[in-house]
Amino acid sequence: MHFRQKYFVIREPIPTKIYFSLSLGTIALIIAIYILITKKRLISPLFLPPLSQVIGSIVEMHSEKIFFPSIYASVWRVYFGLLLAVIVALPLGILMGSYKFAEGIISPIVAFVRYLPTLGLIPLFIIWFGIGDVEKLVIIFFGAFFQLVTLTSDDVANVRRELLEISYTLGITPKKAFRKVIIPAALPSIVDDIRMIAGWAWTYVVVSELVAANKGLGYIIIQSMRAMKTERIVMCILIIGGLGLLTDRVFALVHKQLFPWTEKAGK
């Protein structure tokens, strides 16, 4: 009973050592299951290669001079495309959430376009922008921008009205309230939204590289599929997951440093 009261309380933090032990234990369990399945050949190595073969594929791809250039290409596309989306989306989202006239102008367009299938528009983007980096950046921008505008608008609109009313009683003008109250109150949620959108950006770049590319992790995946080199596919998936996890942890650290007063920062 004491154990349940200590660790199974809704939204209550647990000791850091316990938290990381659970995380590492989960990863170790997954690796152990993978090794067991491949060692016992419960699944054909053609479809699920041994871990040693997966790791060995790094040497092969490096010898072919496609490993690091492809990682660099995908990373550059993801984060530059995401940066462009953030630069344009945040001001529009903040305006939408703050002023109804801006919402009336922007919302119909955003509400319509954000439901369009980004992946289904890839053929058009290829026709319009070719198969180079510009097309990849447009896909990432398109996929991230409209979602981020909506999320940012909701974050700003959800800022408690009491905060504004109190600021007005203290003599702050509406213009200053926008800068001193609205944006600081919404910023923690906005950073979390960018953190979430970053994961979507990886999906868009990999799919775009599957369709038309001469480098990138998606390019390696599609070429490996055609050659039935499953170990390379698994390795690329692991790399993407690792980069995504690293990005997520960086955002979590930044969030904790910038907004130590939030409930999430205290966990």
Protein backbone atom coordinates (compact mmCIF):
# COMPACT_ATOMS: atom_id res chain seq x y z
CA MET A 1 0.00 0.00 0.00
CA HIS A 2 2.86 2.34 0.84
CA PHE A 3 4.42 1.72 -2.60
CA ARG A 4 1.17 2.59 -4.36
CA GLN A 5 0.72 5.73 -2.31
CA LYS A 6 4.29 6.79 -3.10
CA TYR A 7 4.50 6.13 -6.83
CA PHE A 8 0.95 5.78 -8.17
CA VAL A 9 -0.46 9.20 -7.40
CA ILE A 10 -1.90 11.08 -10.37
CA ARG A 11 0.50 13.72 -11.76
CA GLU A 12 2.79 13.51 -8.74
CA PRO A 13 6.57 13.40 -9.47
CA ILE A 14 8.73 10.41 -8.64
CA PRO A 15 12.47 10.36 -7.78
CA THR A 16 14.71 11.10 -10.77
CA LYS A 17 16.67 7.86 -10.30
CA ILE A 18 13.47 5.82 -10.42
CA TYR A 19 12.28 7.69 -13.49
CA PHE A 20 15.47 7.09 -15.46
CA SER A 21 15.70 3.49 -14.25
CA LEU A 22 12.24 2.84 -15.64
CA SER A 23 13.15 4.50 -18.95
CA LEU A 24 16.42 2.60 -19.34
CA GLY A 25 14.73 -0.62 -18.26
CA THR A 26 12.10 -0.22 -20.96
CA ILE A 27 14.74 0.34 -23.64
CA ALA A 28 16.76 -2.64 -22.40
CA LEU A 29 13.66 -4.84 -22.46
CA ILE A 30 12.86 -3.89 -26.06
CA ILE A 31 16.46 -4.60 -27.14
CA ALA A 32 16.39 -7.94 -25.32
CA ILE A 33 13.14 -8.95 -27.02
CA TYR A 34 14.58 -7.95 -30.40
CA ILE A 35 17.75 -10.00 -29.80
CA LEU A 36 15.70 -12.99 -28.63
CA ILE A 37 13.42 -12.91 -31.69
CA THR A 38 16.33 -12.66 -34.13
CA LYS A 39 18.47 -15.22 -32.31
CA LYS A 40 15.66 -17.78 -32.23
CA ARG A 41 14.80 -16.90 -35.85
CA LEU A 42 11.15 -16.47 -34.94
CA ILE A 43 11.08 -14.06 -37.87
CA SER A 44 13.16 -14.53 -40.99
CA PRO A 45 16.39 -12.45 -41.00
CA LEU A 46 15.28 -11.14 -44.38
CA PHE A 47 12.46 -9.27 -42.62
CA LEU A 48 14.04 -8.69 -39.18
CA PRO A 49 17.86 -8.75 -39.34
CA PRO A 50 20.05 -9.45 -36.28
CA LEU A 51 21.21 -6.43 -34.30
CA SER A 52 24.84 -7.10 -35.25
CA GLN A 53 23.90 -6.93 -38.91
CA VAL A 54 22.01 -3.68 -38.34
CA ILE A 55 25.02 -2.09 -36.64
CA GLY A 56 27.33 -3.45 -39.34
CA SER A 57 25.27 -1.66 -42.00
CA ILE A 58 26.77 1.62 -40.75
CA VAL A 59 30.20 0.53 -41.97
CA GLU A 60 28.77 -0.45 -45.36
CA MET A 61 26.91 2.82 -45.84
CA HIS A 62 29.94 4.79 -44.68
CA SER A 63 32.15 2.98 -47.21
CA GLU A 64 29.66 3.94 -49.91
CA LYS A 65 29.87 7.56 -48.73
CA ILE A 66 26.12 7.88 -48.20
CA PHE A 67 25.78 7.57 -44.42
CA PHE A 68 26.82 10.95 -42.97
CA PRO A 69 25.85 13.00 -46.04
CA SER A 70 22.33 11.55 -45.86
CA ILE A 71 22.00 12.26 -42.14
CA TYR A 72 23.21 15.81 -42.67
CA ALA A 73 20.80 16.34 -45.58
CA SER A 74 17.77 15.16 -43.60
CA VAL A 75 18.71 17.06 -40.44
CA TRP A 76 19.31 20.27 -42.36
CA ARG A 77 16.01 19.98 -44.20
CA VAL A 78 14.00 19.24 -41.07
CA TYR A 79 15.31 22.03 -38.88
CA PHE A 80 15.59 24.72 -41.52
CA GLY A 81 12.07 23.97 -42.77
CA LEU A 82 10.79 23.98 -39.18
CA LEU A 83 12.58 27.27 -38.49
CA LEU A 84 10.91 28.90 -41.48
CA ALA A 85 7.52 27.65 -40.33
CA VAL A 86 8.09 28.97 -36.80
CA ILE A 87 9.22 32.41 -38.01
CA VAL A 88 6.08 32.89 -40.13
CA ALA A 89 3.51 30.97 -38.07
CA LEU A 90 4.07 32.45 -34.62
CA PRO A 91 3.20 36.08 -35.46
CA LEU A 92 0.09 35.01 -37.36
CA GLY A 93 -1.01 32.65 -34.59
CA ILE A 94 -0.50 35.29 -31.92
CA LEU A 95 -2.53 37.79 -33.94
CA MET A 96 -5.32 35.26 -34.48
CA GLY A 97 -5.54 34.45 -30.79
CA SER A 98 -5.43 38.08 -29.70
CA TYR A 99 -7.61 39.97 -32.17
CA LYS A 100 -10.91 38.80 -33.60
CA PHE A 101 -10.46 40.81 -36.78
CA ALA A 102 -7.23 38.93 -37.47
CA GLU A 103 -8.95 35.63 -36.71
CA GLY A 104 -11.71 36.51 -39.16
CA ILE A 105 -9.17 37.14 -41.92
CA ILE A 106 -6.73 34.29 -41.30
CA SER A 107 -8.84 31.52 -39.77
CA PRO A 108 -10.88 30.48 -42.87
CA ILE A 109 -7.72 30.01 -44.94
CA VAL A 110 -5.84 28.14 -42.22
CA ALA A 111 -8.85 25.98 -41.32
CA PHE A 112 -9.20 24.92 -44.96
CA VAL A 113 -5.57 24.37 -45.86
CA ARG A 114 -4.52 22.50 -42.70
CA TYR A 115 -6.87 19.66 -43.61
CA LEU A 116 -5.35 19.22 -47.04
CA PRO A 117 -3.23 16.06 -47.26
CA THR A 118 0.35 17.33 -47.36
CA LEU A 119 1.67 14.02 -48.66
CA GLY A 120 -0.92 14.03 -51.43
CA LEU A 121 0.37 17.41 -52.59
CA ILE A 122 3.93 16.13 -53.10
CA PRO A 123 3.42 15.52 -56.86
CA LEU A 124 2.36 19.15 -57.26
CA PHE A 125 5.31 20.38 -55.22
CA ILE A 126 7.64 18.34 -57.40
CA ILE A 127 6.13 19.90 -60.53
CA TRP A 128 6.35 23.40 -59.08
CA PHE A 129 9.69 23.24 -57.25
CA GLY A 130 11.57 20.29 -58.75
CA ILE A 131 13.17 17.50 -56.72
CA GLY A 132 15.85 19.49 -54.90
CA ASP A 133 16.03 20.89 -51.40
CA VAL A 134 13.46 23.60 -52.10
CA GLU A 135 10.73 21.02 -52.65
CA LYS A 136 11.64 19.24 -49.41
CA LEU A 137 11.62 22.51 -47.46
CA VAL A 138 8.24 23.46 -48.92
CA ILE A 139 6.75 20.13 -47.83
CA ILE A 140 8.05 20.56 -44.28
CA PHE A 141 6.96 24.20 -44.16
CA PHE A 142 3.50 23.37 -45.51
CA GLY A 143 3.02 20.49 -43.10
CA ALA A 144 4.18 22.41 -40.04
CA PHE A 145 3.05 25.97 -40.73
CA PHE A 146 -0.73 25.69 -40.73
CA GLN A 147 -0.82 23.34 -37.74
CA LEU A 148 1.46 25.64 -35.76
CA VAL A 149 -0.64 28.72 -36.57
CA THR A 150 -3.73 26.98 -35.18
CA LEU A 151 -1.99 25.68 -32.06
CA THR A 152 -0.40 29.06 -31.32
CA SER A 153 -3.74 30.81 -31.78
CA ASP A 154 -5.37 28.43 -29.31
CA ASP A 155 -2.56 28.96 -26.78
CA VAL A 156 -2.97 32.72 -26.93
CA ALA A 157 -6.77 32.54 -26.81
CA ASN A 158 -6.57 30.34 -23.70
CA VAL A 159 -4.64 32.92 -21.69
CA ARG A 160 -6.85 33.70 -18.71
CA ARG A 161 -8.88 36.86 -19.15
CA GLU A 162 -8.33 37.66 -15.47
CA LEU A 163 -4.66 38.32 -16.22
CA LEU A 164 -5.63 40.97 -18.75
CA GLU A 165 -8.21 42.56 -16.47
CA ILE A 166 -5.73 42.75 -13.59
CA SER A 167 -3.10 44.30 -15.87
CA TYR A 168 -5.59 46.95 -16.99
CA THR A 169 -6.44 47.83 -13.38
CA LEU A 170 -2.70 48.28 -12.75
CA GLY A 171 -2.57 50.86 -15.52
CA ILE A 172 -1.06 48.77 -18.32
CA THR A 173 -2.30 49.81 -21.75
CA PRO A 174 -3.70 47.19 -24.19
CA LYS A 175 -0.56 47.52 -26.29
CA LYS A 176 1.71 46.80 -23.34
CA ALA A 177 -0.60 44.02 -22.14
CA PHE A 178 -0.06 42.27 -25.44
CA ARG A 179 3.70 42.32 -24.91
CA LYS A 180 3.84 41.96 -21.12
CA VAL A 181 0.94 39.58 -20.45
CA ILE A 182 -0.34 37.72 -23.51
CA ILE A 183 2.94 36.56 -25.01
CA PRO A 184 4.70 35.59 -21.72
CA ALA A 185 1.62 33.65 -20.56
CA ALA A 186 1.26 31.74 -23.83
CA LEU A 187 4.95 31.16 -24.52
CA PRO A 188 5.38 27.93 -22.48
CA SER A 189 2.58 26.26 -24.43
CA ILE A 190 3.92 27.60 -27.72
CA VAL A 191 7.34 26.06 -27.08
CA ASP A 192 5.61 22.75 -26.36
CA ASP A 193 3.74 23.07 -29.67
CA ILE A 194 6.98 23.59 -31.58
CA ARG A 195 8.38 20.53 -29.81
CA MET A 196 5.43 18.48 -31.07
CA ILE A 197 5.55 19.89 -34.60
CA ALA A 198 9.25 18.95 -34.83
CA GLY A 199 8.22 15.30 -34.72
CA TRP A 200 5.81 15.82 -37.60
CA ALA A 201 8.56 17.52 -39.60
CA TRP A 202 10.59 14.31 -39.54
CA THR A 203 7.65 12.43 -41.03
CA TYR A 204 7.33 14.94 -43.85
CA VAL A 205 11.01 15.00 -44.77
CA VAL A 206 11.38 11.21 -44.81
CA VAL A 207 8.32 10.77 -47.01
CA SER A 208 9.49 13.51 -49.36
CA GLU A 209 12.85 11.75 -49.67
CA LEU A 210 11.11 8.47 -50.40
CA VAL A 211 9.46 9.99 -53.46
CA ALA A 212 12.20 12.03 -55.09
CA ALA A 213 15.70 12.48 -53.70
CA ASN A 214 19.32 11.54 -54.26
CA LYS A 215 20.34 11.75 -50.60
CA GLY A 216 18.78 11.67 -47.17
CA LEU A 217 17.62 9.00 -44.76
CA GLY A 218 14.41 8.54 -46.71
CA TYR A 219 16.46 8.00 -49.84
CA ILE A 220 18.50 5.27 -48.11
CA ILE A 221 15.29 3.62 -46.92
CA ILE A 222 13.72 3.43 -50.38
CA GLN A 223 16.94 2.25 -52.01
CA SER A 224 17.39 -0.41 -49.32
CA MET A 225 13.83 -1.58 -49.77
CA ARG A 226 14.42 -2.15 -53.47
CA ALA A 227 17.60 -4.10 -52.72
CA MET A 228 15.97 -5.94 -49.75
CA LYS A 229 18.63 -4.61 -47.38
CA THR A 230 16.38 -4.62 -44.33
CA GLU A 231 19.23 -3.93 -41.92
CA ARG A 232 19.76 -0.50 -43.48
CA ILE A 233 16.07 0.30 -43.17
CA VAL A 234 16.09 -0.63 -39.50
CA MET A 235 19.24 1.43 -38.91
CA CYS A 236 17.75 4.52 -40.59
CA ILE A 237 14.60 4.15 -38.49
CA LEU A 238 16.72 3.94 -35.33
CA ILE A 239 18.69 7.03 -36.36
CA ILE A 240 15.51 9.01 -36.99
CA GLY A 241 14.12 7.89 -33.63
CA GLY A 242 17.37 8.81 -31.91
CA LEU A 243 17.46 12.26 -33.50
CA GLY A 244 13.82 12.77 -32.60
CA LEU A 245 14.49 11.77 -28.99
CA LEU A 246 17.48 14.12 -28.84
CA THR A 247 15.37 16.96 -30.21
CA ASP A 248 12.62 16.24 -27.71
CA ARG A 249 15.07 16.26 -24.79
CA VAL A 250 16.61 19.55 -25.96
CA PHE A 251 13.18 21.17 -26.12
CA ALA A 252 12.33 19.76 -22.67
CA LEU A 253 15.56 21.21 -21.24
CA VAL A 254 14.97 24.59 -22.89
CA HIS A 255 11.40 24.62 -21.58
CA LYS A 256 12.58 23.88 -18.06
CA GLN A 257 15.26 26.59 -18.17
CA LEU A 258 13.04 29.27 -19.67
CA PHE A 259 9.85 28.55 -17.72
CA PRO A 260 10.87 27.11 -14.33
CA TRP A 261 7.57 28.25 -12.76
CA THR A 262 5.40 25.93 -14.87
CA GLU A 263 4.07 22.64 -13.54
CA LYS A 264 5.88 20.68 -16.24
CA ALA A 265 9.25 22.20 -15.28
CA GLY A 266 8.85 20.92 -11.76
CA LYS A 267 8.57 17.30 -12.83
